[in-house]
Amino acid sequence: MKDMQVERSKILARTTPALRDILAPGLRVVFCGINPGLSSAMLGHHFSNRTNRFWRAIHLAGFSAEEITPKDDESILSYGCGLTTVAERATTCAADLSRDEFEKSASSFFAKIAHYSPMYVAFLGKPAFSALFNRNKVTWGKQDLLLTGSRTWVLPNPSGLNRSFSLRQLVAAYSELRIAVEELVLEQHGAKALRARRDDIFGNAGRMA
């Protein structure tokens, strides 16, 4: 019976269309999953599995004013956030992917991030980050590597299969990222305001001269 279930999952993975990205230029955060789950790919919406805690976690962490439903996943763009995956192939669980698949996906993934240029890319789990950057030891939280100019962060995977983290722990980890993003936004807005003020002063000085 187990072998039949495995074979059925493989067939579904081969025949299920790729899950579309939800991206736009200049987002504050792009949440990056390892790869689409079969249920999400089949339904065409991110984090559709009822046991996945992503939508609840980002809401409780302050990224969205309400808990977004999977069918309304595109509304995440209105909060300055986007969704993508490193690998495109849908599987029953991320463990079904090989490290080689991550490495083969790297060039197209890097090009995608370079094109949209978010402030932060937040990886949901350590495996994809580890494979992409060839790092055996990865810590949680802010990373010291830039991804085509975007800052990087590693968050616990919100999958219901990840029993190492409770919902409360997920919310705490995701809240740290939200605070870091808000601080960066304020910092950049302050820099822009300062540049505008300087331009105004020097512009007026030039006209007075």
N, C-alpha and C. Protein backbone atom coordinates (compact mmCIF):
# COMPACT_ATOMS: atom_id res chain seq x y z
N MET A 1 0.83 -1.21 0.00
CA MET A 1 0.00 0.00 0.00
C MET A 1 0.87 1.26 0.00
N LYS A 2 1.93 1.25 0.83
CA LYS A 2 2.81 2.41 0.89
C LYS A 2 3.49 2.65 -0.45
N ASP A 3 3.93 1.55 -1.11
CA ASP A 3 4.57 1.69 -2.42
C ASP A 3 3.61 2.28 -3.44
N MET A 4 2.34 1.89 -3.36
CA MET A 4 1.33 2.43 -4.27
C MET A 4 1.13 3.92 -4.05
N GLN A 5 1.15 4.34 -2.79
CA GLN A 5 0.99 5.75 -2.47
C GLN A 5 2.17 6.56 -2.98
N VAL A 6 3.37 6.02 -2.83
CA VAL A 6 4.57 6.69 -3.32
C VAL A 6 4.52 6.84 -4.83
N GLU A 7 4.15 5.78 -5.52
CA GLU A 7 4.08 5.83 -6.97
C GLU A 7 3.00 6.82 -7.44
N ARG A 8 1.89 6.85 -6.74
CA ARG A 8 0.82 7.80 -7.08
C ARG A 8 1.31 9.23 -6.90
N SER A 9 2.06 9.49 -5.83
CA SER A 9 2.60 10.83 -5.60
C SER A 9 3.56 11.24 -6.71
N LYS A 10 4.37 10.29 -7.18
CA LYS A 10 5.31 10.58 -8.26
C LYS A 10 4.57 10.92 -9.55
N ILE A 11 3.51 10.19 -9.83
CA ILE A 11 2.72 10.45 -11.04
C ILE A 11 2.07 11.83 -10.96
N LEU A 12 1.49 12.14 -9.79
CA LEU A 12 0.87 13.45 -9.60
C LEU A 12 1.89 14.57 -9.76
N ALA A 13 3.09 14.36 -9.24
CA ALA A 13 4.14 15.38 -9.33
C ALA A 13 4.52 15.64 -10.77
N ARG A 14 4.53 14.59 -11.60
CA ARG A 14 4.91 14.75 -13.00
C ARG A 14 3.82 15.44 -13.80
N THR A 15 2.57 15.27 -13.40
CA THR A 15 1.45 15.79 -14.19
C THR A 15 0.86 17.09 -13.64
N THR A 16 1.28 17.49 -12.45
CA THR A 16 0.74 18.71 -11.85
C THR A 16 1.46 19.94 -12.38
N PRO A 17 0.72 20.97 -12.83
CA PRO A 17 1.39 22.17 -13.35
C PRO A 17 2.15 22.91 -12.27
N ALA A 18 3.14 23.69 -12.70
CA ALA A 18 3.94 24.47 -11.75
C ALA A 18 3.07 25.52 -11.06
N LEU A 19 3.37 25.77 -9.81
CA LEU A 19 2.65 26.80 -9.05
C LEU A 19 3.22 28.16 -9.41
N ARG A 20 2.34 29.09 -9.76
CA ARG A 20 2.79 30.41 -10.21
C ARG A 20 3.39 31.20 -9.04
N ASP A 21 4.35 32.03 -9.36
CA ASP A 21 4.90 32.97 -8.37
C ASP A 21 3.92 34.11 -8.16
N ILE A 22 3.97 34.71 -6.99
CA ILE A 22 3.23 35.94 -6.71
C ILE A 22 4.27 36.99 -6.37
N LEU A 23 4.67 37.75 -7.38
CA LEU A 23 5.78 38.69 -7.25
C LEU A 23 5.48 40.01 -7.93
N ALA A 24 6.18 41.04 -7.51
CA ALA A 24 6.11 42.37 -8.11
C ALA A 24 7.43 43.06 -7.81
N PRO A 25 7.82 44.05 -8.59
CA PRO A 25 9.09 44.73 -8.33
C PRO A 25 9.09 45.48 -6.99
N GLY A 26 10.23 45.47 -6.32
CA GLY A 26 10.43 46.30 -5.13
C GLY A 26 9.65 45.93 -3.90
N LEU A 27 9.35 44.64 -3.70
CA LEU A 27 8.63 44.23 -2.51
C LEU A 27 9.52 44.31 -1.27
N ARG A 28 8.89 44.40 -0.11
CA ARG A 28 9.67 44.43 1.12
C ARG A 28 10.22 43.05 1.46
N VAL A 29 9.39 42.03 1.30
CA VAL A 29 9.81 40.66 1.60
C VAL A 29 9.26 39.70 0.54
N VAL A 30 10.10 38.79 0.09
CA VAL A 30 9.64 37.66 -0.70
C VAL A 30 9.85 36.41 0.15
N PHE A 31 8.75 35.77 0.52
CA PHE A 31 8.83 34.52 1.26
C PHE A 31 9.10 33.40 0.26
N CYS A 32 10.13 32.65 0.52
CA CYS A 32 10.59 31.65 -0.44
C CYS A 32 10.50 30.25 0.14
N GLY A 33 9.54 29.48 -0.37
CA GLY A 33 9.41 28.10 0.05
C GLY A 33 10.44 27.22 -0.64
N ILE A 34 10.58 26.01 -0.17
CA ILE A 34 11.52 25.07 -0.77
C ILE A 34 11.03 24.66 -2.15
N ASN A 35 9.79 24.18 -2.21
CA ASN A 35 9.13 23.83 -3.47
C ASN A 35 7.64 23.70 -3.17
N PRO A 36 6.79 23.70 -4.19
CA PRO A 36 5.35 23.61 -3.93
C PRO A 36 4.96 22.24 -3.39
N GLY A 37 4.04 22.21 -2.44
CA GLY A 37 3.43 20.96 -2.03
C GLY A 37 2.44 20.52 -3.10
N LEU A 38 2.15 19.23 -3.16
CA LEU A 38 1.25 18.72 -4.19
C LEU A 38 -0.14 19.36 -4.11
N SER A 39 -0.67 19.51 -2.90
CA SER A 39 -2.01 20.07 -2.77
C SER A 39 -2.06 21.51 -3.25
N SER A 40 -1.01 22.30 -2.94
CA SER A 40 -0.96 23.69 -3.39
C SER A 40 -0.86 23.78 -4.90
N ALA A 41 -0.01 22.93 -5.50
CA ALA A 41 0.15 22.95 -6.95
C ALA A 41 -1.13 22.53 -7.66
N MET A 42 -1.80 21.53 -7.13
CA MET A 42 -3.04 21.04 -7.74
C MET A 42 -4.15 22.07 -7.66
N LEU A 43 -4.21 22.81 -6.53
CA LEU A 43 -5.25 23.82 -6.35
C LEU A 43 -4.86 25.17 -6.96
N GLY A 44 -3.56 25.35 -7.23
CA GLY A 44 -3.09 26.60 -7.83
C GLY A 44 -2.95 27.75 -6.86
N HIS A 45 -2.84 27.44 -5.57
CA HIS A 45 -2.70 28.48 -4.55
C HIS A 45 -1.65 28.06 -3.52
N HIS A 46 -0.89 29.03 -3.06
CA HIS A 46 0.20 28.75 -2.13
C HIS A 46 -0.31 28.36 -0.74
N PHE A 47 0.38 27.43 -0.12
CA PHE A 47 0.11 27.00 1.25
C PHE A 47 -1.36 26.61 1.44
N SER A 48 -1.83 25.76 0.53
CA SER A 48 -3.24 25.34 0.56
C SER A 48 -3.52 24.20 1.53
N ASN A 49 -2.47 23.49 1.93
CA ASN A 49 -2.68 22.39 2.86
C ASN A 49 -3.20 22.92 4.19
N ARG A 50 -4.26 22.32 4.69
CA ARG A 50 -4.89 22.82 5.91
C ARG A 50 -3.97 22.80 7.12
N THR A 51 -2.96 21.93 7.08
CA THR A 51 -2.05 21.84 8.23
C THR A 51 -0.92 22.88 8.17
N ASN A 52 -0.76 23.55 7.03
CA ASN A 52 0.31 24.53 6.92
C ASN A 52 -0.07 25.81 7.67
N ARG A 53 0.86 26.33 8.44
CA ARG A 53 0.57 27.45 9.34
C ARG A 53 1.08 28.80 8.81
N PHE A 54 1.46 28.85 7.53
CA PHE A 54 2.06 30.07 6.99
C PHE A 54 1.15 31.27 7.12
N TRP A 55 -0.08 31.17 6.64
CA TRP A 55 -0.97 32.34 6.60
C TRP A 55 -1.29 32.85 7.99
N ARG A 56 -1.49 31.92 8.93
CA ARG A 56 -1.75 32.34 10.31
C ARG A 56 -0.50 32.97 10.94
N ALA A 57 0.66 32.39 10.65
CA ALA A 57 1.89 32.91 11.25
C ALA A 57 2.20 34.32 10.78
N ILE A 58 2.07 34.59 9.47
CA ILE A 58 2.41 35.94 9.01
C ILE A 58 1.39 36.96 9.49
N HIS A 59 0.14 36.53 9.66
CA HIS A 59 -0.86 37.45 10.20
C HIS A 59 -0.55 37.79 11.66
N LEU A 60 -0.31 36.77 12.47
CA LEU A 60 -0.05 37.01 13.89
C LEU A 60 1.28 37.72 14.10
N ALA A 61 2.19 37.59 13.13
CA ALA A 61 3.48 38.29 13.23
C ALA A 61 3.39 39.74 12.76
N GLY A 62 2.25 40.14 12.21
CA GLY A 62 2.05 41.53 11.82
C GLY A 62 2.30 41.87 10.37
N PHE A 63 2.45 40.85 9.52
CA PHE A 63 2.67 41.13 8.09
C PHE A 63 1.36 41.44 7.36
N SER A 64 0.23 40.94 7.85
CA SER A 64 -1.05 41.19 7.19
C SER A 64 -2.09 41.57 8.23
N ALA A 65 -3.01 42.42 7.82
CA ALA A 65 -4.04 42.90 8.75
C ALA A 65 -5.06 41.83 9.08
N GLU A 66 -5.23 40.86 8.18
CA GLU A 66 -6.14 39.75 8.43
C GLU A 66 -5.45 38.46 8.00
N GLU A 67 -6.01 37.34 8.39
CA GLU A 67 -5.44 36.07 7.96
C GLU A 67 -5.89 35.78 6.54
N ILE A 68 -4.97 35.83 5.61
CA ILE A 68 -5.27 35.61 4.19
C ILE A 68 -5.61 34.14 3.98
N THR A 69 -6.59 33.88 3.14
CA THR A 69 -6.93 32.51 2.78
C THR A 69 -6.13 32.12 1.54
N PRO A 70 -5.83 30.83 1.37
CA PRO A 70 -5.06 30.42 0.20
C PRO A 70 -5.64 30.88 -1.13
N LYS A 71 -6.96 30.88 -1.27
CA LYS A 71 -7.56 31.29 -2.55
C LYS A 71 -7.36 32.78 -2.82
N ASP A 72 -7.05 33.54 -1.78
CA ASP A 72 -6.79 34.97 -1.93
C ASP A 72 -5.30 35.27 -1.79
N ASP A 73 -4.46 34.28 -2.13
CA ASP A 73 -3.02 34.44 -1.88
C ASP A 73 -2.41 35.65 -2.57
N GLU A 74 -2.97 36.08 -3.70
CA GLU A 74 -2.40 37.24 -4.40
C GLU A 74 -2.54 38.53 -3.61
N SER A 75 -3.45 38.56 -2.65
CA SER A 75 -3.63 39.78 -1.85
C SER A 75 -2.43 40.07 -0.96
N ILE A 76 -1.51 39.12 -0.85
CA ILE A 76 -0.30 39.35 -0.05
C ILE A 76 0.53 40.48 -0.64
N LEU A 77 0.38 40.72 -1.95
CA LEU A 77 1.12 41.82 -2.59
C LEU A 77 0.73 43.17 -2.01
N SER A 78 -0.51 43.31 -1.56
CA SER A 78 -0.95 44.60 -1.01
C SER A 78 -0.24 44.93 0.31
N TYR A 79 0.43 43.94 0.89
CA TYR A 79 1.19 44.16 2.12
C TYR A 79 2.69 44.24 1.85
N GLY A 80 3.05 44.39 0.59
CA GLY A 80 4.46 44.51 0.24
C GLY A 80 5.23 43.21 0.31
N CYS A 81 4.51 42.09 0.24
CA CYS A 81 5.15 40.77 0.33
C CYS A 81 4.82 39.94 -0.91
N GLY A 82 5.71 39.00 -1.22
CA GLY A 82 5.50 38.12 -2.35
C GLY A 82 5.83 36.69 -1.99
N LEU A 83 5.56 35.78 -2.94
CA LEU A 83 5.77 34.35 -2.71
C LEU A 83 6.46 33.70 -3.90
N THR A 84 7.40 32.83 -3.61
CA THR A 84 8.04 32.04 -4.67
C THR A 84 8.60 30.78 -4.03
N THR A 85 9.20 29.92 -4.85
CA THR A 85 9.88 28.72 -4.36
C THR A 85 11.22 28.61 -5.07
N VAL A 86 12.17 27.93 -4.44
CA VAL A 86 13.46 27.72 -5.09
C VAL A 86 13.33 26.71 -6.22
N ALA A 87 12.76 25.56 -5.92
CA ALA A 87 12.54 24.53 -6.93
C ALA A 87 11.08 24.55 -7.36
N GLU A 88 10.82 24.25 -8.63
CA GLU A 88 9.46 24.32 -9.15
C GLU A 88 8.69 23.01 -9.01
N ARG A 89 9.39 21.88 -8.93
CA ARG A 89 8.70 20.60 -8.94
C ARG A 89 7.91 20.39 -7.66
N ALA A 90 6.64 20.08 -7.81
CA ALA A 90 5.78 19.82 -6.66
C ALA A 90 6.02 18.41 -6.12
N THR A 91 6.03 18.28 -4.80
CA THR A 91 6.21 16.98 -4.16
C THR A 91 5.31 16.90 -2.94
N THR A 92 5.15 15.68 -2.44
CA THR A 92 4.36 15.49 -1.23
C THR A 92 5.03 16.15 -0.04
N CYS A 93 6.36 16.03 0.03
CA CYS A 93 7.12 16.72 1.07
C CYS A 93 8.47 17.14 0.51
N ALA A 94 9.05 18.15 1.12
CA ALA A 94 10.30 18.72 0.60
C ALA A 94 11.45 17.72 0.61
N ALA A 95 11.37 16.73 1.48
CA ALA A 95 12.44 15.73 1.56
C ALA A 95 12.55 14.91 0.28
N ASP A 96 11.51 14.96 -0.56
CA ASP A 96 11.54 14.23 -1.83
C ASP A 96 12.46 14.88 -2.85
N LEU A 97 12.89 16.12 -2.59
CA LEU A 97 13.80 16.81 -3.50
C LEU A 97 15.25 16.49 -3.15
N SER A 98 16.08 16.37 -4.17
CA SER A 98 17.50 16.14 -3.94
C SER A 98 18.24 17.47 -3.90
N ARG A 99 19.41 17.47 -3.31
CA ARG A 99 20.25 18.67 -3.28
C ARG A 99 20.61 19.10 -4.70
N ASP A 100 20.76 18.14 -5.58
CA ASP A 100 21.08 18.42 -6.98
C ASP A 100 19.99 19.25 -7.64
N GLU A 101 18.72 18.99 -7.28
CA GLU A 101 17.62 19.77 -7.85
C GLU A 101 17.69 21.22 -7.42
N PHE A 102 18.07 21.45 -6.16
CA PHE A 102 18.24 22.83 -5.70
C PHE A 102 19.32 23.54 -6.51
N GLU A 103 20.43 22.85 -6.67
CA GLU A 103 21.57 23.45 -7.36
C GLU A 103 21.23 23.76 -8.82
N LYS A 104 20.47 22.89 -9.47
CA LYS A 104 20.08 23.12 -10.86
C LYS A 104 19.09 24.28 -10.99
N SER A 105 18.35 24.55 -9.92
CA SER A 105 17.37 25.64 -9.93
C SER A 105 18.00 26.99 -9.63
N ALA A 106 19.26 26.99 -9.19
CA ALA A 106 19.89 28.19 -8.65
C ALA A 106 19.92 29.35 -9.65
N SER A 107 20.39 29.12 -10.88
CA SER A 107 20.58 30.22 -11.81
C SER A 107 19.27 30.92 -12.15
N SER A 108 18.21 30.17 -12.39
CA SER A 108 16.92 30.79 -12.72
C SER A 108 16.34 31.49 -11.49
N PHE A 109 16.57 30.92 -10.31
CA PHE A 109 16.08 31.54 -9.09
C PHE A 109 16.80 32.86 -8.82
N PHE A 110 18.13 32.87 -8.96
CA PHE A 110 18.89 34.09 -8.77
C PHE A 110 18.45 35.18 -9.74
N ALA A 111 18.22 34.79 -11.00
CA ALA A 111 17.79 35.76 -12.01
C ALA A 111 16.43 36.36 -11.65
N LYS A 112 15.57 35.54 -11.11
CA LYS A 112 14.23 36.00 -10.71
C LYS A 112 14.33 37.05 -9.60
N ILE A 113 15.14 36.75 -8.59
CA ILE A 113 15.29 37.68 -7.47
C ILE A 113 15.95 38.97 -7.95
N ALA A 114 16.93 38.86 -8.82
CA ALA A 114 17.59 40.06 -9.36
C ALA A 114 16.60 40.94 -10.10
N HIS A 115 15.68 40.32 -10.82
CA HIS A 115 14.68 41.08 -11.59
C HIS A 115 13.72 41.84 -10.68
N TYR A 116 13.24 41.20 -9.63
CA TYR A 116 12.22 41.83 -8.78
C TYR A 116 12.84 42.64 -7.63
N SER A 117 14.05 42.34 -7.23
CA SER A 117 14.82 43.13 -6.28
C SER A 117 14.06 43.48 -4.99
N PRO A 118 13.64 42.48 -4.20
CA PRO A 118 13.00 42.78 -2.92
C PRO A 118 14.03 43.21 -1.88
N MET A 119 13.56 43.83 -0.81
CA MET A 119 14.46 44.19 0.28
C MET A 119 15.04 42.93 0.93
N TYR A 120 14.14 41.98 1.23
CA TYR A 120 14.55 40.75 1.89
C TYR A 120 14.00 39.53 1.13
N VAL A 121 14.78 38.47 1.11
CA VAL A 121 14.30 37.15 0.69
C VAL A 121 14.33 36.28 1.94
N ALA A 122 13.15 35.81 2.35
CA ALA A 122 13.04 35.01 3.57
C ALA A 122 12.82 33.55 3.18
N PHE A 123 13.82 32.72 3.45
CA PHE A 123 13.73 31.30 3.13
C PHE A 123 12.97 30.57 4.23
N LEU A 124 12.00 29.77 3.82
CA LEU A 124 11.20 29.02 4.79
C LEU A 124 11.84 27.65 5.01
N GLY A 125 12.78 27.62 5.92
CA GLY A 125 13.53 26.39 6.18
C GLY A 125 14.98 26.53 5.73
N LYS A 126 15.85 25.71 6.30
CA LYS A 126 17.28 25.79 6.02
C LYS A 126 17.74 25.08 4.75
N PRO A 127 17.10 23.99 4.30
CA PRO A 127 17.66 23.19 3.20
C PRO A 127 17.92 23.96 1.91
N ALA A 128 16.98 24.78 1.47
CA ALA A 128 17.18 25.50 0.21
C ALA A 128 18.32 26.50 0.32
N PHE A 129 18.36 27.24 1.42
CA PHE A 129 19.44 28.21 1.62
C PHE A 129 20.78 27.49 1.66
N SER A 130 20.84 26.38 2.37
CA SER A 130 22.07 25.61 2.49
C SER A 130 22.56 25.12 1.13
N ALA A 131 21.64 24.63 0.30
CA ALA A 131 22.02 24.12 -1.02
C ALA A 131 22.43 25.25 -1.95
N LEU A 132 21.70 26.35 -1.94
CA LEU A 132 21.98 27.46 -2.85
C LEU A 132 23.34 28.10 -2.58
N PHE A 133 23.69 28.21 -1.30
CA PHE A 133 24.92 28.90 -0.93
C PHE A 133 26.02 27.94 -0.46
N ASN A 134 25.74 26.65 -0.60
CA ASN A 134 26.73 25.62 -0.25
C ASN A 134 27.24 25.79 1.18
N ARG A 135 26.29 25.91 2.09
CA ARG A 135 26.63 26.05 3.50
C ARG A 135 26.05 24.87 4.27
N ASN A 136 26.93 24.19 5.02
CA ASN A 136 26.47 23.04 5.79
C ASN A 136 25.80 23.47 7.09
N LYS A 137 26.29 24.57 7.67
CA LYS A 137 25.71 25.06 8.91
C LYS A 137 25.00 26.38 8.65
N VAL A 138 23.72 26.40 8.94
CA VAL A 138 22.90 27.60 8.73
C VAL A 138 22.18 27.93 10.03
N THR A 139 22.24 29.18 10.44
CA THR A 139 21.54 29.61 11.65
C THR A 139 20.19 30.22 11.27
N TRP A 140 19.31 30.33 12.23
CA TRP A 140 18.03 30.99 11.99
C TRP A 140 18.23 32.50 11.99
N GLY A 141 17.35 33.20 11.31
CA GLY A 141 17.37 34.65 11.34
C GLY A 141 18.15 35.29 10.21
N LYS A 142 18.65 36.50 10.46
CA LYS A 142 19.34 37.28 9.45
C LYS A 142 20.65 36.61 9.06
N GLN A 143 20.91 36.58 7.73
CA GLN A 143 22.13 35.98 7.21
C GLN A 143 23.12 37.06 6.76
N ASP A 144 24.37 36.66 6.60
CA ASP A 144 25.40 37.62 6.21
C ASP A 144 25.63 37.65 4.70
N LEU A 145 24.76 37.00 3.94
CA LEU A 145 24.90 36.95 2.49
C LEU A 145 23.80 37.74 1.80
N LEU A 146 24.18 38.45 0.75
CA LEU A 146 23.20 39.13 -0.10
C LEU A 146 22.88 38.24 -1.29
N LEU A 147 21.65 38.27 -1.72
CA LEU A 147 21.21 37.52 -2.89
C LEU A 147 20.89 38.51 -3.99
N THR A 148 21.81 38.71 -4.90
CA THR A 148 21.70 39.71 -5.98
C THR A 148 21.24 41.06 -5.44
N GLY A 149 21.79 41.44 -4.29
CA GLY A 149 21.48 42.74 -3.70
C GLY A 149 20.42 42.71 -2.62
N SER A 150 19.66 41.63 -2.51
CA SER A 150 18.61 41.53 -1.50
C SER A 150 19.17 40.89 -0.23
N ARG A 151 18.75 41.39 0.91
CA ARG A 151 19.14 40.78 2.17
C ARG A 151 18.46 39.42 2.32
N THR A 152 19.07 38.55 3.10
CA THR A 152 18.53 37.20 3.26
C THR A 152 18.24 36.88 4.72
N TRP A 153 17.23 36.03 4.91
CA TRP A 153 16.78 35.65 6.25
C TRP A 153 16.31 34.21 6.17
N VAL A 154 16.51 33.45 7.22
CA VAL A 154 16.04 32.07 7.25
C VAL A 154 15.03 31.90 8.38
N LEU A 155 13.82 31.45 8.01
CA LEU A 155 12.73 31.26 8.95
C LEU A 155 12.40 29.78 9.09
N PRO A 156 11.84 29.37 10.20
CA PRO A 156 11.37 27.99 10.32
C PRO A 156 10.28 27.71 9.29
N ASN A 157 10.30 26.50 8.75
CA ASN A 157 9.28 26.09 7.80
C ASN A 157 7.93 25.97 8.51
N PRO A 158 6.87 26.61 8.00
CA PRO A 158 5.57 26.58 8.68
C PRO A 158 4.76 25.32 8.43
N SER A 159 5.32 24.37 7.68
CA SER A 159 4.61 23.12 7.39
C SER A 159 4.15 22.44 8.66
N GLY A 160 2.99 21.81 8.59
CA GLY A 160 2.50 21.05 9.73
C GLY A 160 3.38 19.87 10.06
N LEU A 161 4.21 19.45 9.10
CA LEU A 161 5.14 18.35 9.34
C LEU A 161 6.32 18.78 10.22
N ASN A 162 6.53 20.09 10.31
CA ASN A 162 7.64 20.61 11.12
C ASN A 162 7.16 20.77 12.57
N ARG A 163 7.31 19.72 13.34
CA ARG A 163 6.82 19.74 14.71
C ARG A 163 7.86 20.27 15.70
N SER A 164 8.99 20.70 15.18
CA SER A 164 10.03 21.27 16.05
C SER A 164 9.64 22.68 16.51
N PHE A 165 8.70 23.31 15.78
CA PHE A 165 8.30 24.67 16.10
C PHE A 165 6.79 24.73 16.30
N SER A 166 6.39 25.25 17.45
CA SER A 166 4.97 25.50 17.70
C SER A 166 4.55 26.76 16.95
N LEU A 167 3.26 27.00 16.87
CA LEU A 167 2.78 28.22 16.24
C LEU A 167 3.34 29.45 16.96
N ARG A 168 3.37 29.40 18.27
CA ARG A 168 3.90 30.53 19.04
C ARG A 168 5.36 30.81 18.68
N GLN A 169 6.15 29.76 18.51
CA GLN A 169 7.56 29.92 18.14
C GLN A 169 7.69 30.45 16.72
N LEU A 170 6.82 29.99 15.83
CA LEU A 170 6.84 30.50 14.46
C LEU A 170 6.56 31.99 14.44
N VAL A 171 5.53 32.40 15.18
CA VAL A 171 5.15 33.81 15.21
C VAL A 171 6.29 34.66 15.75
N ALA A 172 6.97 34.17 16.77
CA ALA A 172 8.10 34.92 17.35
C ALA A 172 9.21 35.08 16.32
N ALA A 173 9.51 34.01 15.60
CA ALA A 173 10.58 34.07 14.58
C ALA A 173 10.19 34.99 13.43
N TYR A 174 8.95 34.91 12.99
CA TYR A 174 8.50 35.74 11.88
C TYR A 174 8.40 37.21 12.30
N SER A 175 8.08 37.44 13.56
CA SER A 175 7.99 38.82 14.07
C SER A 175 9.35 39.51 14.03
N GLU A 176 10.42 38.75 14.29
CA GLU A 176 11.76 39.33 14.22
C GLU A 176 12.05 39.87 12.83
N LEU A 177 11.65 39.12 11.81
CA LEU A 177 11.83 39.60 10.44
C LEU A 177 10.99 40.83 10.18
N ARG A 178 9.76 40.82 10.62
CA ARG A 178 8.88 41.98 10.38
C ARG A 178 9.45 43.24 11.00
N ILE A 179 10.02 43.13 12.20
CA ILE A 179 10.63 44.28 12.86
C ILE A 179 11.84 44.76 12.07
N ALA A 180 12.67 43.82 11.60
CA ALA A 180 13.85 44.19 10.82
C ALA A 180 13.45 44.89 9.52
N VAL A 181 12.39 44.43 8.90
CA VAL A 181 11.91 45.05 7.65
C VAL A 181 11.43 46.46 7.92
N GLU A 182 10.67 46.63 8.99
CA GLU A 182 10.14 47.96 9.32
C GLU A 182 11.29 48.93 9.63
N GLU A 183 12.30 48.45 10.32
CA GLU A 183 13.45 49.31 10.63
C GLU A 183 14.18 49.73 9.36
N LEU A 184 14.30 48.80 8.41
CA LEU A 184 14.97 49.12 7.15
C LEU A 184 14.16 50.12 6.34
N VAL A 185 12.85 49.96 6.34
CA VAL A 185 11.98 50.89 5.62
C VAL A 185 12.11 52.29 6.20
N LEU A 186 12.09 52.39 7.53
CA LEU A 186 12.24 53.70 8.18
C LEU A 186 13.60 54.31 7.87
N GLU A 187 14.62 53.47 7.88
CA GLU A 187 15.97 53.94 7.59
C GLU A 187 16.06 54.48 6.17
N GLN A 188 15.48 53.76 5.23
CA GLN A 188 15.54 54.19 3.83
C GLN A 188 14.69 55.42 3.59
N HIS A 189 13.54 55.50 4.24
CA HIS A 189 12.70 56.69 4.10
C HIS A 189 13.40 57.90 4.68
N GLY A 190 14.10 57.70 5.82
CA GLY A 190 14.84 58.80 6.42
C GLY A 190 15.95 59.28 5.51
N ALA A 191 16.63 58.35 4.85
CA ALA A 191 17.71 58.71 3.94
C ALA A 191 17.16 59.47 2.73
N LYS A 192 16.00 59.02 2.25
CA LYS A 192 15.38 59.70 1.11
C LYS A 192 14.96 61.12 1.48
N ALA A 193 14.40 61.26 2.69
CA ALA A 193 13.98 62.58 3.14
C ALA A 193 15.19 63.51 3.28
N LEU A 194 16.30 62.96 3.79
CA LEU A 194 17.51 63.76 3.95
C LEU A 194 18.05 64.20 2.59
N ARG A 195 18.05 63.28 1.61
CA ARG A 195 18.52 63.63 0.27
C ARG A 195 17.64 64.69 -0.36
N ALA A 196 16.33 64.55 -0.15
CA ALA A 196 15.40 65.53 -0.71
C ALA A 196 15.64 66.90 -0.09
N ARG A 197 15.89 66.92 1.22
CA ARG A 197 16.15 68.18 1.92
C ARG A 197 17.44 68.82 1.40
N ARG A 198 18.48 68.00 1.21
CA ARG A 198 19.74 68.51 0.70
C ARG A 198 19.57 69.06 -0.71
N ASP A 199 18.83 68.33 -1.55
CA ASP A 199 18.60 68.79 -2.92
C ASP A 199 17.86 70.13 -2.92
N ASP A 200 16.92 70.26 -1.97
CA ASP A 200 16.15 71.50 -1.88
C ASP A 200 17.05 72.66 -1.46
N ILE A 201 17.92 72.40 -0.48
CA ILE A 201 18.82 73.45 0.00
C ILE A 201 19.81 73.87 -1.08
N PHE A 202 20.47 72.89 -1.68
CA PHE A 202 21.46 73.20 -2.68
C PHE A 202 20.83 73.75 -3.95
N GLY A 203 19.61 73.28 -4.21
CA GLY A 203 18.91 73.81 -5.38
C GLY A 203 18.56 75.26 -5.19
N ASN A 204 18.07 75.59 -4.01
CA ASN A 204 17.74 76.99 -3.72
C ASN A 204 18.99 77.85 -3.71
N ALA A 205 20.09 77.30 -3.17
CA ALA A 205 21.35 78.06 -3.13
C ALA A 205 21.83 78.36 -4.52
N GLY A 206 21.68 77.36 -5.39
CA GLY A 206 22.10 77.56 -6.79
C GLY A 206 21.28 78.61 -7.47
N ARG A 207 19.96 78.59 -7.19
CA ARG A 207 19.10 79.60 -7.84
C ARG A 207 19.38 81.00 -7.29
N MET A 208 19.69 81.09 -5.97
CA MET A 208 19.99 82.38 -5.36
C MET A 208 21.28 82.96 -5.93
N ALA A 209 22.25 82.05 -6.20
CA ALA A 209 23.51 82.52 -6.76
C ALA A 209 23.31 83.04 -8.16
